Every structure is written in structure tokens, then in C-alpha cells.
């Protein structure tokens, strides 16, 4: 969200930062140009790009929070992985009283 927030003031530095970073996406083979144009909302960085970056800046923390909650639910349900192969239940102390 740092880069997306950097674009929001929409000054010269923000404009050129958005231009350079989104042009890096165009180096991805086959889909790069299409991906960059989709993020731009056209064929260049303009007002549509700012609107998309604002929406992404607003929605991204909710997406990250939801993924963290899902991760914790899966971790609580199945437990963590044990790469050493030792039985994890032998010396277990409960973290919570229930």
C-alpha cells in the first residue's frame, strides 16, 4: 500500500513514480502491456489511474486482513507444520484455557 499511497497526492513526483512503476509491468512477457493498460485505465497514466490507485489503496488493507484471518483460522484448525517429524502433541502446553 506504500506505493499506492505515494501516487495519491498526484503531484509531479507521484505522476512519474506511477508511470515508471507501472511501465515495469509492461516488461512481463505476453501479458505485461495488457496488465499495464488495465492498471492505467487507458493508454497512459491519467485520472482513471488515480481513481484505480485510490480504490486499490482503500481495499488492499481489507484484503490483507481477510487473508490473515483465514490464515489464522486454518492454522487454528489444523495446527502448524512440523518439518522435523517429531510428534507435536508430546510436550504440548495449551495456550488458552478452553
PDB file of N, CA and C in Angstrom:
ATOM      1  N   UNK A   1       0.817  -1.190   0.000  1.00  0.00           N
ATOM      2  CA  UNK A   1       0.000   0.000   0.000  1.00  0.00           C
ATOM      3  C   UNK A   1       0.863   1.257   0.000  1.00  0.00           C
ATOM      4  N   UNK A   2       2.150   1.125   0.256  1.00  0.00           N
ATOM      5  CA  UNK A   2       3.002   2.310   0.302  1.00  0.00           C
ATOM      6  C   UNK A   2       3.104   2.965  -1.071  1.00  0.00           C
ATOM      7  N   UNK A   3       3.342   2.173  -2.107  1.00  0.00           N
ATOM      8  CA  UNK A   3       3.436   2.759  -3.445  1.00  0.00           C
ATOM      9  C   UNK A   3       2.102   3.336  -3.881  1.00  0.00           C
ATOM     10  N   UNK A   4       1.017   2.624  -3.581  1.00  0.00           N
ATOM     11  CA  UNK A   4      -0.303   3.091  -3.984  1.00  0.00           C
ATOM     12  C   UNK A   4      -0.624   4.403  -3.274  1.00  0.00           C
ATOM     13  N   UNK A   5      -0.255   4.534  -2.005  1.00  0.00           N
ATOM     14  CA  UNK A   5      -0.461   5.779  -1.281  1.00  0.00           C
ATOM     15  C   UNK A   5       0.445   6.895  -1.769  1.00  0.00           C
ATOM     16  N   UNK A   6       1.612   6.532  -2.285  1.00  0.00           N
ATOM     17  CA  UNK A   6       2.548   7.528  -2.808  1.00  0.00           C
ATOM     18  C   UNK A   6       1.972   8.236  -4.027  1.00  0.00           C
ATOM     19  N   UNK A   7       1.151   7.549  -4.785  1.00  0.00           N
ATOM     20  CA  UNK A   7       0.577   8.119  -6.002  1.00  0.00           C
ATOM     21  C   UNK A   7      -0.558   9.086  -5.682  1.00  0.00           C
ATOM     22  N   UNK A   8      -1.218   8.936  -4.556  1.00  0.00           N
ATOM     23  CA  UNK A   8      -2.443   9.678  -4.269  1.00  0.00           C
ATOM     24  C   UNK A   8      -2.312  11.202  -4.231  1.00  0.00           C
ATOM     25  N   UNK A   9      -1.204  11.812  -3.795  1.00  0.00           N
ATOM     26  CA  UNK A   9      -1.140  13.285  -3.843  1.00  0.00           C
ATOM     27  C   UNK A   9      -1.190  13.850  -5.267  1.00  0.00           C
ATOM     28  N   UNK A  10      -0.810  13.060  -6.255  1.00  0.00           N
ATOM     29  CA  UNK A  10      -0.904  13.389  -7.675  1.00  0.00           C
ATOM     30  C   UNK A  10      -0.138  14.648  -8.051  1.00  0.00           C
ATOM     31  N   UNK A  11       1.080  14.733  -7.542  1.00  0.00           N
ATOM     32  CA  UNK A  11       1.996  15.779  -7.974  1.00  0.00           C
ATOM     33  C   UNK A  11       2.905  15.235  -9.071  1.00  0.00           C
ATOM     34  N   UNK A  12       3.936  15.999  -9.411  1.00  0.00           N
ATOM     35  CA  UNK A  12       4.869  15.557 -10.450  1.00  0.00           C
ATOM     36  C   UNK A  12       5.594  14.275 -10.047  1.00  0.00           C
ATOM     37  N   UNK A  13       6.061  14.219  -8.792  1.00  0.00           N
ATOM     38  CA  UNK A  13       6.755  13.012  -8.333  1.00  0.00           C
ATOM     39  C   UNK A  13       5.816  11.811  -8.338  1.00  0.00           C
ATOM     40  N   UNK A  14       4.574  12.019  -7.932  1.00  0.00           N
ATOM     41  CA  UNK A  14       3.600  10.932  -7.919  1.00  0.00           C
ATOM     42  C   UNK A  14       3.302  10.445  -9.327  1.00  0.00           C
ATOM     43  N   UNK A  15       3.123  11.381 -10.242  1.00  0.00           N
ATOM     44  CA  UNK A  15       2.826  11.022 -11.629  1.00  0.00           C
ATOM     45  C   UNK A  15       3.954  10.200 -12.233  1.00  0.00           C
ATOM     46  N   UNK A  16       5.184  10.678 -12.073  1.00  0.00           N
ATOM     47  CA  UNK A  16       6.304   9.969 -12.682  1.00  0.00           C
ATOM     48  C   UNK A  16       6.608   8.673 -11.949  1.00  0.00           C
ATOM     49  N   UNK A  17       6.360   8.637 -10.651  1.00  0.00           N
ATOM     50  CA  UNK A  17       6.506   7.374  -9.926  1.00  0.00           C
ATOM     51  C   UNK A  17       5.529   6.332 -10.432  1.00  0.00           C
ATOM     52  N   UNK A  18       4.276   6.738 -10.628  1.00  0.00           N
ATOM     53  CA  UNK A  18       3.265   5.818 -11.161  1.00  0.00           C
ATOM     54  C   UNK A  18       3.619   5.391 -12.574  1.00  0.00           C
ATOM     55  N   UNK A  19       4.125   6.314 -13.373  1.00  0.00           N
ATOM     56  CA  UNK A  19       4.494   5.985 -14.748  1.00  0.00           C
ATOM     57  C   UNK A  19       5.624   4.961 -14.785  1.00  0.00           C
ATOM     58  N   UNK A  20       6.652   5.185 -13.992  1.00  0.00           N
ATOM     59  CA  UNK A  20       7.810   4.284 -14.007  1.00  0.00           C
ATOM     60  C   UNK A  20       7.435   2.904 -13.472  1.00  0.00           C
ATOM     61  N   UNK A  21       6.764   2.852 -12.334  1.00  0.00           N
ATOM     62  CA  UNK A  21       6.442   1.557 -11.725  1.00  0.00           C
ATOM     63  C   UNK A  21       5.470   0.765 -12.590  1.00  0.00           C
ATOM     64  N   UNK A  22       4.454   1.413 -13.122  1.00  0.00           N
ATOM     65  CA  UNK A  22       3.507   0.673 -13.954  1.00  0.00           C
ATOM     66  C   UNK A  22       4.118   0.286 -15.296  1.00  0.00           C
ATOM     67  N   UNK A  23       5.079   1.057 -15.784  1.00  0.00           N
ATOM     68  CA  UNK A  23       5.772   0.656 -17.010  1.00  0.00           C
ATOM     69  C   UNK A  23       6.662  -0.560 -16.778  1.00  0.00           C
ATOM     70  N   UNK A  24       7.084  -0.793 -15.554  1.00  0.00           N
ATOM     71  CA  UNK A  24       7.843  -2.008 -15.260  1.00  0.00           C
ATOM     72  C   UNK A  24       6.994  -3.250 -15.512  1.00  0.00           C
ATOM     73  N   UNK A  25       5.682  -3.128 -15.317  1.00  0.00           N
ATOM     74  CA  UNK A  25       4.796  -4.262 -15.564  1.00  0.00           C
ATOM     75  C   UNK A  25       4.763  -4.636 -17.037  1.00  0.00           C
ATOM     76  N   UNK A  26       4.990  -3.675 -17.903  1.00  0.00           N
ATOM     77  CA  UNK A  26       4.934  -3.967 -19.336  1.00  0.00           C
ATOM     78  C   UNK A  26       6.096  -4.844 -19.787  1.00  0.00           C
ATOM     79  N   UNK A  27       7.082  -5.066 -18.934  1.00  0.00           N
ATOM     80  CA  UNK A  27       8.199  -5.950 -19.270  1.00  0.00           C
ATOM     81  C   UNK A  27       7.850  -7.421 -19.077  1.00  0.00           C
ATOM     82  N   UNK A  28       6.710  -7.721 -18.464  1.00  0.00           N
ATOM     83  CA  UNK A  28       6.283  -9.109 -18.281  1.00  0.00           C
ATOM     84  C   UNK A  28       5.874  -9.659 -19.649  1.00  0.00           C
ATOM     85  N   UNK A  29       6.421 -10.795 -20.035  1.00  0.00           N
ATOM     86  CA  UNK A  29       6.089 -11.335 -21.360  1.00  0.00           C
ATOM     87  C   UNK A  29       4.603 -11.662 -21.511  1.00  0.00           C
ATOM     88  N   UNK A  30       4.081 -11.439 -22.677  1.00  0.00           N
ATOM     89  CA  UNK A  30       2.722 -11.767 -23.122  1.00  0.00           C
ATOM     90  C   UNK A  30       1.632 -10.910 -22.486  1.00  0.00           C
ATOM     91  N   UNK A  31       1.620 -10.740 -21.172  1.00  0.00           N
ATOM     92  CA  UNK A  31       0.509 -10.035 -20.518  1.00  0.00           C
ATOM     93  C   UNK A  31       0.894  -8.658 -20.004  1.00  0.00           C
ATOM     94  N   UNK A  32       2.159  -8.287 -20.104  1.00  0.00           N
ATOM     95  CA  UNK A  32       2.633  -7.052 -19.496  1.00  0.00           C
ATOM     96  C   UNK A  32       1.957  -5.799 -20.003  1.00  0.00           C
ATOM     97  N   UNK A  33       1.854  -5.661 -21.302  1.00  0.00           N
ATOM     98  CA  UNK A  33       1.238  -4.464 -21.880  1.00  0.00           C
ATOM     99  C   UNK A  33      -0.238  -4.388 -21.524  1.00  0.00           C
ATOM    100  N   UNK A  34      -0.923  -5.515 -21.611  1.00  0.00           N
ATOM    101  CA  UNK A  34      -2.346  -5.547 -21.257  1.00  0.00           C
ATOM    102  C   UNK A  34      -2.545  -5.232 -19.783  1.00  0.00           C
ATOM    103  N   UNK A  35      -1.683  -5.774 -18.931  1.00  0.00           N
ATOM    104  CA  UNK A  35      -1.775  -5.518 -17.493  1.00  0.00           C
ATOM    105  C   UNK A  35      -1.536  -4.045 -17.180  1.00  0.00           C
ATOM    106  N   UNK A  36      -0.534  -3.450 -17.804  1.00  0.00           N
ATOM    107  CA  UNK A  36      -0.250  -2.031 -17.577  1.00  0.00           C
ATOM    108  C   UNK A  36      -1.411  -1.161 -18.041  1.00  0.00           C
ATOM    109  N   UNK A  37      -1.975  -1.460 -19.202  1.00  0.00           N
ATOM    110  CA  UNK A  37      -3.112  -0.674 -19.688  1.00  0.00           C
ATOM    111  C   UNK A  37      -4.335  -0.856 -18.802  1.00  0.00           C
ATOM    112  N   UNK A  38      -4.509  -2.046 -18.243  1.00  0.00           N
ATOM    113  CA  UNK A  38      -5.634  -2.276 -17.338  1.00  0.00           C
ATOM    114  C   UNK A  38      -5.465  -1.462 -16.055  1.00  0.00           C
ATOM    115  N   UNK A  39      -4.247  -1.412 -15.529  1.00  0.00           N
ATOM    116  CA  UNK A  39      -3.995  -0.628 -14.315  1.00  0.00           C
ATOM    117  C   UNK A  39      -4.132   0.864 -14.609  1.00  0.00           C
ATOM    118  N   UNK A  40      -3.663   1.295 -15.783  1.00  0.00           N
ATOM    119  CA  UNK A  40      -3.775   2.706 -16.151  1.00  0.00           C
ATOM    120  C   UNK A  40      -5.218   3.125 -16.379  1.00  0.00           C
ATOM    121  N   UNK A  41      -6.046   2.218 -16.846  1.00  0.00           N
ATOM    122  CA  UNK A  41      -7.409   2.580 -17.219  1.00  0.00           C
ATOM    123  C   UNK A  41      -7.464   3.244 -18.578  1.00  0.00           C
ATOM    124  N   UNK A  42      -6.453   3.051 -19.369  1.00  0.00           N
ATOM    125  CA  UNK A  42      -6.356   3.631 -20.709  1.00  0.00           C
ATOM    126  C   UNK A  42      -4.987   3.327 -21.270  1.00  0.00           C
ATOM    127  N   UNK A  43      -4.474   4.259 -22.076  1.00  0.00           N
ATOM    128  CA  UNK A  43      -3.174   4.036 -22.696  1.00  0.00           C
ATOM    129  C   UNK A  43      -2.063   4.857 -22.052  1.00  0.00           C
ATOM    130  N   UNK A  44      -2.377   5.608 -21.012  1.00  0.00           N
ATOM    131  CA  UNK A  44      -1.374   6.403 -20.311  1.00  0.00           C
ATOM    132  C   UNK A  44      -1.854   6.637 -18.881  1.00  0.00           C
ATOM    133  N   UNK A  45      -0.957   7.120 -18.039  1.00  0.00           N
ATOM    134  CA  UNK A  45      -1.306   7.446 -16.657  1.00  0.00           C
ATOM    135  C   UNK A  45      -2.112   8.740 -16.666  1.00  0.00           C
ATOM    136  N   UNK A  46      -3.345   8.691 -16.160  1.00  0.00           N
ATOM    137  CA  UNK A  46      -4.184   9.888 -16.102  1.00  0.00           C
ATOM    138  C   UNK A  46      -5.166   9.759 -14.940  1.00  0.00           C
ATOM    139  N   UNK A  47      -6.314  10.444 -15.016  1.00  0.00           N
ATOM    140  CA  UNK A  47      -7.274  10.459 -13.903  1.00  0.00           C
ATOM    141  C   UNK A  47      -7.829   9.077 -13.575  1.00  0.00           C
ATOM    142  N   UNK A  48      -8.035   8.257 -14.578  1.00  0.00           N
ATOM    143  CA  UNK A  48      -8.537   6.899 -14.330  1.00  0.00           C
ATOM    144  C   UNK A  48      -7.541   6.096 -13.496  1.00  0.00           C
ATOM    145  N   UNK A  49      -6.256   6.327 -13.734  1.00  0.00           N
ATOM    146  CA  UNK A  49      -5.221   5.653 -12.952  1.00  0.00           C
ATOM    147  C   UNK A  49      -5.304   6.074 -11.493  1.00  0.00           C
ATOM    148  N   UNK A  50      -5.484   7.361 -11.256  1.00  0.00           N
ATOM    149  CA  UNK A  50      -5.594   7.861  -9.888  1.00  0.00           C
ATOM    150  C   UNK A  50      -6.791   7.245  -9.178  1.00  0.00           C
ATOM    151  N   UNK A  51      -7.914   7.136  -9.863  1.00  0.00           N
ATOM    152  CA  UNK A  51      -9.109   6.530  -9.273  1.00  0.00           C
ATOM    153  C   UNK A  51      -8.860   5.071  -8.929  1.00  0.00           C
ATOM    154  N   UNK A  52      -8.204   4.345  -9.815  1.00  0.00           N
ATOM    155  CA  UNK A  52      -7.911   2.934  -9.554  1.00  0.00           C
ATOM    156  C   UNK A  52      -6.943   2.782  -8.386  1.00  0.00           C
ATOM    157  N   UNK A  53      -5.932   3.636  -8.322  1.00  0.00           N
ATOM    158  CA  UNK A  53      -4.981   3.553  -7.224  1.00  0.00           C
ATOM    159  C   UNK A  53      -5.646   3.910  -5.897  1.00  0.00           C
ATOM    160  N   UNK A  54      -6.568   4.877  -5.907  1.00  0.00           N
ATOM    161  CA  UNK A  54      -7.281   5.221  -4.680  1.00  0.00           C
ATOM    162  C   UNK A  54      -8.137   4.049  -4.218  1.00  0.00           C
ATOM    163  N   UNK A  55      -8.856   3.419  -5.145  1.00  0.00           N
ATOM    164  CA  UNK A  55      -9.693   2.268  -4.788  1.00  0.00           C
ATOM    165  C   UNK A  55      -8.833   1.121  -4.268  1.00  0.00           C
ATOM    166  N   UNK A  56      -7.719   0.858  -4.937  1.00  0.00           N
ATOM    167  CA  UNK A  56      -6.828  -0.210  -4.501  1.00  0.00           C
ATOM    168  C   UNK A  56      -6.230   0.107  -3.133  1.00  0.00           C
ATOM    169  N   UNK A  57      -5.878   1.374  -2.903  1.00  0.00           N
ATOM    170  CA  UNK A  57      -5.325   1.793  -1.618  1.00  0.00           C
ATOM    171  C   UNK A  57      -6.347   1.609  -0.495  1.00  0.00           C
ATOM    172  N   UNK A  58      -7.617   1.807  -0.795  1.00  0.00           N
ATOM    173  CA  UNK A  58      -8.667   1.640   0.205  1.00  0.00           C
ATOM    174  C   UNK A  58      -8.971   0.162   0.457  1.00  0.00           C
ATOM    175  N   UNK A  59      -9.004  -0.648  -0.592  1.00  0.00           N
ATOM    176  CA  UNK A  59      -9.438  -2.043  -0.476  1.00  0.00           C
ATOM    177  C   UNK A  59      -8.317  -2.974  -0.012  1.00  0.00           C
ATOM    178  N   UNK A  60      -7.070  -2.677  -0.346  1.00  0.00           N
ATOM    179  CA  UNK A  60      -5.961  -3.576  -0.044  1.00  0.00           C
ATOM    180  C   UNK A  60      -5.825  -3.930   1.440  1.00  0.00           C
ATOM    181  N   UNK A  61      -5.948  -3.004   2.399  1.00  0.00           N
ATOM    182  CA  UNK A  61      -5.855  -3.405   3.809  1.00  0.00           C
ATOM    183  C   UNK A  61      -6.947  -4.389   4.226  1.00  0.00           C
ATOM    184  N   UNK A  62      -8.149  -4.252   3.669  1.00  0.00           N
ATOM    185  CA  UNK A  62      -9.217  -5.202   3.987  1.00  0.00           C
ATOM    186  C   UNK A  62      -8.899  -6.587   3.434  1.00  0.00           C
ATOM    187  N   UNK A  63      -8.329  -6.634   2.242  1.00  0.00           N
ATOM    188  CA  UNK A  63      -7.950  -7.914   1.646  1.00  0.00           C
ATOM    189  C   UNK A  63      -6.856  -8.579   2.474  1.00  0.00           C
ATOM    190  N   UNK A  64      -5.862  -7.806   2.883  1.00  0.00           N
ATOM    191  CA  UNK A  64      -4.773  -8.352   3.693  1.00  0.00           C
ATOM    192  C   UNK A  64      -5.298  -8.844   5.037  1.00  0.00           C
ATOM    193  N   UNK A  65      -6.196  -8.085   5.665  1.00  0.00           N
ATOM    194  CA  UNK A  65      -6.785  -8.502   6.940  1.00  0.00           C
ATOM    195  C   UNK A  65      -7.593  -9.779   6.779  1.00  0.00           C
ATOM    196  N   UNK A  66      -8.382  -9.877   5.723  1.00  0.00           N
ATOM    197  CA  UNK A  66      -9.176 -11.087   5.485  1.00  0.00           C
ATOM    198  C   UNK A  66      -8.275 -12.295   5.267  1.00  0.00           C
ATOM    199  N   UNK A  67      -7.207 -12.136   4.500  1.00  0.00           N
ATOM    200  CA  UNK A  67      -6.284 -13.243   4.285  1.00  0.00           C
ATOM    201  C   UNK A  67      -5.585 -13.655   5.577  1.00  0.00           C
ATOM    202  N   UNK A  68      -5.246 -12.684   6.428  1.00  0.00           N
ATOM    203  CA  UNK A  68      -4.627 -13.011   7.711  1.00  0.00           C
ATOM    204  C   UNK A  68      -5.595 -13.772   8.611  1.00  0.00           C
ATOM    205  N   UNK A  69      -6.863 -13.386   8.619  1.00  0.00           N
ATOM    206  CA  UNK A  69      -7.865 -14.082   9.428  1.00  0.00           C
ATOM    207  C   UNK A  69      -8.068 -15.504   8.921  1.00  0.00           C
ATOM    208  N   UNK A  70      -8.162 -15.665   7.610  1.00  0.00           N
ATOM    209  CA  UNK A  70      -8.308 -17.012   7.038  1.00  0.00           C
ATOM    210  C   UNK A  70      -7.087 -17.861   7.376  1.00  0.00           C
ATOM    211  N   UNK A  71      -5.907 -17.275   7.293  1.00  0.00           N
ATOM    212  CA  UNK A  71      -4.685 -17.991   7.643  1.00  0.00           C
ATOM    213  C   UNK A  71      -4.713 -18.442   9.104  1.00  0.00           C
ATOM    214  N   UNK A  72      -5.110 -17.553   9.997  1.00  0.00           N
ATOM    215  CA  UNK A  72      -5.175 -17.917  11.411  1.00  0.00           C
ATOM    216  C   UNK A  72      -6.234 -18.981  11.676  1.00  0.00           C
ATOM    217  N   UNK A  73      -7.360 -18.924  10.969  1.00  0.00           N
ATOM    218  CA  UNK A  73      -8.382 -19.963  11.125  1.00  0.00           C
ATOM    219  C   UNK A  73      -7.864 -21.321  10.672  1.00  0.00           C
ATOM    220  N   UNK A  74      -7.189 -21.361   9.534  1.00  0.00           N
ATOM    221  CA  UNK A  74      -6.609 -22.622   9.073  1.00  0.00           C
ATOM    222  C   UNK A  74      -5.536 -23.113  10.033  1.00  0.00           C
ATOM    223  N   UNK A  75      -4.732 -22.209  10.546  1.00  0.00           N
ATOM    224  CA  UNK A  75      -3.685 -22.580  11.489  1.00  0.00           C
ATOM    225  C   UNK A  75      -4.284 -23.110  12.780  1.00  0.00           C
ATOM    226  N   UNK A  76      -5.361 -22.507  13.245  1.00  0.00           N
ATOM    227  CA  UNK A  76      -6.032 -22.957  14.463  1.00  0.00           C
ATOM    228  C   UNK A  76      -6.682 -24.326  14.246  1.00  0.00           C
ATOM    229  N   UNK A  77      -7.230 -24.543  13.063  1.00  0.00           N
ATOM    230  CA  UNK A  77      -7.929 -25.795  12.761  1.00  0.00           C
ATOM    231  C   UNK A  77      -6.971 -26.968  12.598  1.00  0.00           C
ATOM    232  N   UNK A  78      -5.901 -26.782  11.852  1.00  0.00           N
ATOM    233  CA  UNK A  78      -5.026 -27.905  11.513  1.00  0.00           C
ATOM    234  C   UNK A  78      -3.711 -27.906  12.271  1.00  0.00           C
ATOM    235  N   UNK A  79      -3.327 -26.818  12.861  1.00  0.00           N
ATOM    236  CA  UNK A  79      -2.038 -26.734  13.533  1.00  0.00           C
ATOM    237  C   UNK A  79      -0.938 -26.407  12.537  1.00  0.00           C
ATOM    238  N   UNK A  80       0.237 -26.151  13.046  1.00  0.00           N
ATOM    239  CA  UNK A  80       1.338 -25.791  12.165  1.00  0.00           C
ATOM    240  C   UNK A  80       2.057 -27.047  11.674  1.00  0.00           C
ATOM    241  N   UNK A  81       2.807 -26.897  10.622  1.00  0.00           N
ATOM    242  CA  UNK A  81       3.550 -27.995  10.034  1.00  0.00           C
ATOM    243  C   UNK A  81       4.802 -28.250  10.858  1.00  0.00           C
ATOM    244  N   UNK A  82       5.197 -29.515  10.954  1.00  0.00           N
ATOM    245  CA  UNK A  82       6.376 -29.879  11.714  1.00  0.00           C
ATOM    246  C   UNK A  82       7.377 -30.539  10.772  1.00  0.00           C
ATOM    247  N   UNK A  83       8.368 -29.813  10.286  1.00  0.00           N
ATOM    248  CA  UNK A  83       9.288 -30.395   9.311  1.00  0.00           C
ATOM    249  C   UNK A  83      10.231 -31.439   9.896  1.00  0.00           C
ATOM    250  N   UNK A  84      10.429 -31.470  11.212  1.00  0.00           N
ATOM    251  CA  UNK A  84      11.361 -32.436  11.794  1.00  0.00           C
ATOM    252  C   UNK A  84      10.733 -33.812  11.993  1.00  0.00           C
ATOM    253  N   UNK A  85       9.417 -33.932  11.923  1.00  0.00           N
ATOM    254  CA  UNK A  85       8.753 -35.224  12.046  1.00  0.00           C
ATOM    255  C   UNK A  85       8.531 -35.686  13.473  1.00  0.00           C
ATOM    256  N   UNK A  86       8.799 -34.857  14.453  1.00  0.00           N
ATOM    257  CA  UNK A  86       8.598 -35.218  15.855  1.00  0.00           C
ATOM    258  C   UNK A  86       7.126 -35.043  16.199  1.00  0.00           C
ATOM    259  N   UNK A  87       6.596 -35.902  17.047  1.00  0.00           N
ATOM    260  CA  UNK A  87       5.199 -35.811  17.453  1.00  0.00           C
ATOM    261  C   UNK A  87       4.980 -34.501  18.210  1.00  0.00           C
ATOM    262  N   UNK A  88       4.157 -33.606  17.709  1.00  0.00           N
ATOM    263  CA  UNK A  88       3.995 -32.301  18.353  1.00  0.00           C
ATOM    264  C   UNK A  88       3.128 -32.341  19.607  1.00  0.00           C
ATOM    265  N   UNK A  89       2.371 -33.416  19.825  1.00  0.00           N
ATOM    266  CA  UNK A  89       1.467 -33.462  20.970  1.00  0.00           C
ATOM    267  C   UNK A  89       2.137 -33.952  22.249  1.00  0.00           C
ATOM    268  N   UNK A  90       3.385 -34.374  22.202  1.00  0.00           N
ATOM    269  CA  UNK A  90       4.006 -34.983  23.372  1.00  0.00           C
ATOM    270  C   UNK A  90       4.245 -33.984  24.502  1.00  0.00           C
ATOM    271  N   UNK A  91       4.778 -32.840  24.223  1.00  0.00           N
ATOM    272  CA  UNK A  91       5.074 -31.848  25.263  1.00  0.00           C
ATOM    273  C   UNK A  91       4.292 -30.572  25.019  1.00  0.00           C
ATOM    274  N   UNK A  92       3.024 -30.705  24.788  1.00  0.00           N
ATOM    275  CA  UNK A  92       2.211 -29.551  24.430  1.00  0.00           C
ATOM    276  C   UNK A  92       1.616 -28.913  25.678  1.00  0.00           C
ATOM    277  N   UNK A  93       1.688 -27.596  25.749  1.00  0.00           N
ATOM    278  CA  UNK A  93       1.060 -26.825  26.813  1.00  0.00           C
ATOM    279  C   UNK A  93       0.003 -25.958  26.154  1.00  0.00           C
ATOM    280  N   UNK A  94      -1.253 -25.999  26.616  1.00  0.00           N
ATOM    281  CA  UNK A  94      -2.291 -25.204  25.954  1.00  0.00           C
ATOM    282  C   UNK A  94      -2.041 -23.703  26.113  1.00  0.00           C
ATOM    283  N   UNK A  95      -2.292 -22.981  25.057  1.00  0.00           N
ATOM    284  CA  UNK A  95      -2.110 -21.534  25.071  1.00  0.00           C
ATOM    285  C   UNK A  95      -3.316 -20.829  25.670  1.00  0.00           C
ATOM    286  N   UNK A  96      -4.487 -21.427  25.561  1.00  0.00           N
ATOM    287  CA  UNK A  96      -5.716 -20.816  26.050  1.00  0.00           C
ATOM    288  C   UNK A  96      -6.461 -21.828  26.915  1.00  0.00           C
ATOM    289  N   UNK A  97      -7.316 -21.374  27.835  1.00  0.00           N
ATOM    290  CA  UNK A  97      -7.948 -22.293  28.794  1.00  0.00           C
ATOM    291  C   UNK A  97      -9.086 -23.132  28.226  1.00  0.00           C
ATOM    292  N   UNK A  98      -9.603 -22.870  27.061  1.00  0.00           N
ATOM    293  CA  UNK A  98     -10.742 -23.644  26.561  1.00  0.00           C
ATOM    294  C   UNK A  98     -10.329 -24.691  25.564  1.00  0.00           C
TER     295      UNK A  98
END
